[in-house]
Amino acid sequence: MVREQLPHAGVSNGSLVIAGGVMLLTGAGLVGATALRRCRS
């Protein structure tokens, strides 16, 4: 894990929050794209 290499807990926590947000947005985007493809087809 990358967070284990970071010296400050605050930095690692912030990175986890950002990474989590990016993953959620990416997941939502994939789900939305899949839904649109299913509706169109």
PDB file of N, CA and C in Angstrom:
ATOM      1  N   MET A   1       0.839  -1.205   0.000  1.00  0.00           N
ATOM      2  CA  MET A   1       0.000   0.000   0.000  1.00  0.00           C
ATOM      3  C   MET A   1       0.870   1.250   0.000  1.00  0.00           C
ATOM      4  N   VAL A   2       0.411   2.288  -0.654  1.00  0.00           N
ATOM      5  CA  VAL A   2       1.187   3.525  -0.737  1.00  0.00           C
ATOM      6  C   VAL A   2       1.173   4.257   0.595  1.00  0.00           C
ATOM      7  N   ARG A   3       0.061   4.173   1.311  1.00  0.00           N
ATOM      8  CA  ARG A   3      -0.091   4.932   2.553  1.00  0.00           C
ATOM      9  C   ARG A   3       0.917   4.479   3.600  1.00  0.00           C
ATOM     10  N   GLU A   4       1.412   3.252   3.522  1.00  0.00           N
ATOM     11  CA  GLU A   4       2.382   2.758   4.499  1.00  0.00           C
ATOM     12  C   GLU A   4       3.731   3.442   4.302  1.00  0.00           C
ATOM     13  N   GLN A   5       3.981   3.962   3.119  1.00  0.00           N
ATOM     14  CA  GLN A   5       5.256   4.603   2.824  1.00  0.00           C
ATOM     15  C   GLN A   5       5.253   6.085   3.210  1.00  0.00           C
ATOM     16  N   LEU A   6       4.067   6.654   3.421  1.00  0.00           N
ATOM     17  CA  LEU A   6       3.982   8.069   3.783  1.00  0.00           C
ATOM     18  C   LEU A   6       4.287   8.258   5.257  1.00  0.00           C
ATOM     19  N   PRO A   7       5.076   9.272   5.598  1.00  0.00           N
ATOM     20  CA  PRO A   7       5.498   9.505   6.982  1.00  0.00           C
ATOM     21  C   PRO A   7       4.406  10.098   7.863  1.00  0.00           C
ATOM     22  N   HIS A   8       3.522  10.907   7.286  1.00  0.00           N
ATOM     23  CA  HIS A   8       2.520  11.596   8.095  1.00  0.00           C
ATOM     24  C   HIS A   8       1.146  10.947   7.937  1.00  0.00           C
ATOM     25  N   ALA A   9       0.472  10.728   9.051  1.00  0.00           N
ATOM     26  CA  ALA A   9      -0.848  10.096   9.016  1.00  0.00           C
ATOM     27  C   ALA A   9      -1.842  11.005   8.298  1.00  0.00           C
ATOM     28  N   GLY A  10      -1.708  12.321   8.486  1.00  0.00           N
ATOM     29  CA  GLY A  10      -2.626  13.263   7.848  1.00  0.00           C
ATOM     30  C   GLY A  10      -2.549  13.162   6.335  1.00  0.00           C
ATOM     31  N   VAL A  11      -1.327  13.021   5.829  1.00  0.00           N
ATOM     32  CA  VAL A  11      -1.146  12.920   4.381  1.00  0.00           C
ATOM     33  C   VAL A  11      -1.772  11.638   3.863  1.00  0.00           C
ATOM     34  N   SER A  12      -1.542  10.544   4.595  1.00  0.00           N
ATOM     35  CA  SER A  12      -2.082   9.254   4.156  1.00  0.00           C
ATOM     36  C   SER A  12      -3.609   9.277   4.201  1.00  0.00           C
ATOM     37  N   ASN A  13      -4.161   9.877   5.246  1.00  0.00           N
ATOM     38  CA  ASN A  13      -5.622   9.958   5.358  1.00  0.00           C
ATOM     39  C   ASN A  13      -6.192  10.779   4.209  1.00  0.00           C
ATOM     40  N   GLY A  14      -5.554  11.896   3.907  1.00  0.00           N
ATOM     41  CA  GLY A  14      -6.022  12.742   2.811  1.00  0.00           C
ATOM     42  C   GLY A  14      -5.955  11.993   1.490  1.00  0.00           C
ATOM     43  N   SER A  15      -4.868  11.242   1.302  1.00  0.00           N
ATOM     44  CA  SER A  15      -4.707  10.487   0.061  1.00  0.00           C
ATOM     45  C   SER A  15      -5.786   9.418  -0.053  1.00  0.00           C
ATOM     46  N   LEU A  16      -6.111   8.792   1.092  1.00  0.00           N
ATOM     47  CA  LEU A  16      -7.144   7.746   1.080  1.00  0.00           C
ATOM     48  C   LEU A  16      -8.488   8.353   0.714  1.00  0.00           C
ATOM     49  N   VAL A  17      -8.771   9.528   1.266  1.00  0.00           N
ATOM     50  CA  VAL A  17     -10.051  10.189   0.974  1.00  0.00           C
ATOM     51  C   VAL A  17     -10.135  10.542  -0.508  1.00  0.00           C
ATOM     52  N   ILE A  18      -9.042  11.101  -1.035  1.00  0.00           N
ATOM     53  CA  ILE A  18      -9.013  11.475  -2.451  1.00  0.00           C
ATOM     54  C   ILE A  18      -9.134  10.234  -3.334  1.00  0.00           C
ATOM     55  N   ALA A  19      -8.376   9.194  -2.987  1.00  0.00           N
ATOM     56  CA  ALA A  19      -8.411   7.952  -3.770  1.00  0.00           C
ATOM     57  C   ALA A  19      -9.812   7.349  -3.728  1.00  0.00           C
ATOM     58  N   GLY A  20     -10.422   7.390  -2.541  1.00  0.00           N
ATOM     59  CA  GLY A  20     -11.777   6.847  -2.394  1.00  0.00           C
ATOM     60  C   GLY A  20     -12.762   7.620  -3.256  1.00  0.00           C
ATOM     61  N   GLY A  21     -12.632   8.939  -3.256  1.00  0.00           N
ATOM     62  CA  GLY A  21     -13.534   9.770  -4.053  1.00  0.00           C
ATOM     63  C   GLY A  21     -13.368   9.493  -5.536  1.00  0.00           C
ATOM     64  N   VAL A  22     -12.121   9.356  -5.962  1.00  0.00           N
ATOM     65  CA  VAL A  22     -11.853   9.073  -7.378  1.00  0.00           C
ATOM     66  C   VAL A  22     -12.439   7.719  -7.769  1.00  0.00           C
ATOM     67  N   MET A  23     -12.273   6.735  -6.873  1.00  0.00           N
ATOM     68  CA  MET A  23     -12.799   5.394  -7.156  1.00  0.00           C
ATOM     69  C   MET A  23     -14.321   5.427  -7.251  1.00  0.00           C
ATOM     70  N   LEU A  24     -14.955   6.204  -6.351  1.00  0.00           N
ATOM     71  CA  LEU A  24     -16.419   6.298  -6.374  1.00  0.00           C
ATOM     72  C   LEU A  24     -16.885   6.959  -7.669  1.00  0.00           C
ATOM     73  N   LEU A  25     -16.199   8.046  -8.055  1.00  0.00           N
ATOM     74  CA  LEU A  25     -16.591   8.750  -9.280  1.00  0.00           C
ATOM     75  C   LEU A  25     -16.389   7.857 -10.498  1.00  0.00           C
ATOM     76  N   THR A  26     -15.260   7.146 -10.514  1.00  0.00           N
ATOM     77  CA  THR A  26     -14.975   6.250 -11.638  1.00  0.00           C
ATOM     78  C   THR A  26     -16.007   5.139 -11.706  1.00  0.00           C
ATOM     79  N   GLY A  27     -16.331   4.575 -10.540  1.00  0.00           N
ATOM     80  CA  GLY A  27     -17.331   3.502 -10.490  1.00  0.00           C
ATOM     81  C   GLY A  27     -18.680   3.997 -10.973  1.00  0.00           C
ATOM     82  N   ALA A  28     -19.064   5.191 -10.525  1.00  0.00           N
ATOM     83  CA  ALA A  28     -20.355   5.758 -10.925  1.00  0.00           C
ATOM     84  C   ALA A  28     -20.362   6.007 -12.435  1.00  0.00           C
ATOM     85  N   GLY A  29     -19.244   6.469 -12.962  1.00  0.00           N
ATOM     86  CA  GLY A  29     -19.148   6.730 -14.396  1.00  0.00           C
ATOM     87  C   GLY A  29     -19.292   5.447 -15.204  1.00  0.00           C
ATOM     88  N   LEU A  30     -18.632   4.380 -14.726  1.00  0.00           N
ATOM     89  CA  LEU A  30     -18.712   3.093 -15.426  1.00  0.00           C
ATOM     90  C   LEU A  30     -20.136   2.562 -15.395  1.00  0.00           C
ATOM     91  N   VAL A  31     -20.782   2.670 -14.240  1.00  0.00           N
ATOM     92  CA  VAL A  31     -22.164   2.193 -14.103  1.00  0.00           C
ATOM     93  C   VAL A  31     -23.084   2.997 -15.017  1.00  0.00           C
ATOM     94  N   GLY A  32     -22.888   4.319 -15.051  1.00  0.00           N
ATOM     95  CA  GLY A  32     -23.719   5.169 -15.899  1.00  0.00           C
ATOM     96  C   GLY A  32     -23.521   4.844 -17.370  1.00  0.00           C
ATOM     97  N   ALA A  33     -22.268   4.645 -17.772  1.00  0.00           N
ATOM     98  CA  ALA A  33     -21.982   4.322 -19.171  1.00  0.00           C
ATOM     99  C   ALA A  33     -22.598   2.986 -19.547  1.00  0.00           C
ATOM    100  N   THR A  34     -22.494   2.020 -18.635  1.00  0.00           N
ATOM    101  CA  THR A  34     -23.068   0.692 -18.897  1.00  0.00           C
ATOM    102  C   THR A  34     -24.584   0.789 -19.021  1.00  0.00           C
ATOM    103  N   ALA A  35     -25.198   1.590 -18.159  1.00  0.00           N
ATOM    104  CA  ALA A  35     -26.656   1.744 -18.191  1.00  0.00           C
ATOM    105  C   ALA A  35     -27.084   2.386 -19.506  1.00  0.00           C
ATOM    106  N   LEU A  36     -26.328   3.399 -19.954  1.00  0.00           N
ATOM    107  CA  LEU A  36     -26.674   4.066 -21.210  1.00  0.00           C
ATOM    108  C   LEU A  36     -26.552   3.100 -22.381  1.00  0.00           C
ATOM    109  N   ARG A  37     -25.497   2.281 -22.363  1.00  0.00           N
ATOM    110  CA  ARG A  37     -25.296   1.324 -23.457  1.00  0.00           C
ATOM    111  C   ARG A  37     -26.434   0.317 -23.492  1.00  0.00           C
ATOM    112  N   ARG A  38     -26.876  -0.113 -22.302  1.00  0.00           N
ATOM    113  CA  ARG A  38     -27.955  -1.102 -22.241  1.00  0.00           C
ATOM    114  C   ARG A  38     -29.258  -0.487 -22.743  1.00  0.00           C
ATOM    115  N   CYS A  39     -29.494   0.769 -22.391  1.00  0.00           N
ATOM    116  CA  CYS A  39     -30.739   1.428 -22.810  1.00  0.00           C
ATOM    117  C   CYS A  39     -30.735   1.648 -24.324  1.00  0.00           C
ATOM    118  N   ARG A  40     -29.581   2.042 -24.862  1.00  0.00           N
ATOM    119  CA  ARG A  40     -29.499   2.311 -26.298  1.00  0.00           C
ATOM    120  C   ARG A  40     -29.633   1.028 -27.099  1.00  0.00           C
ATOM    121  N   SER A  41     -29.052  -0.036 -26.607  1.00  0.00           N
ATOM    122  CA  SER A  41     -29.082  -1.308 -27.317  1.00  0.00           C
ATOM    123  C   SER A  41     -30.346  -2.083 -26.940  1.00  0.00           C
TER     124      SER A  41
END
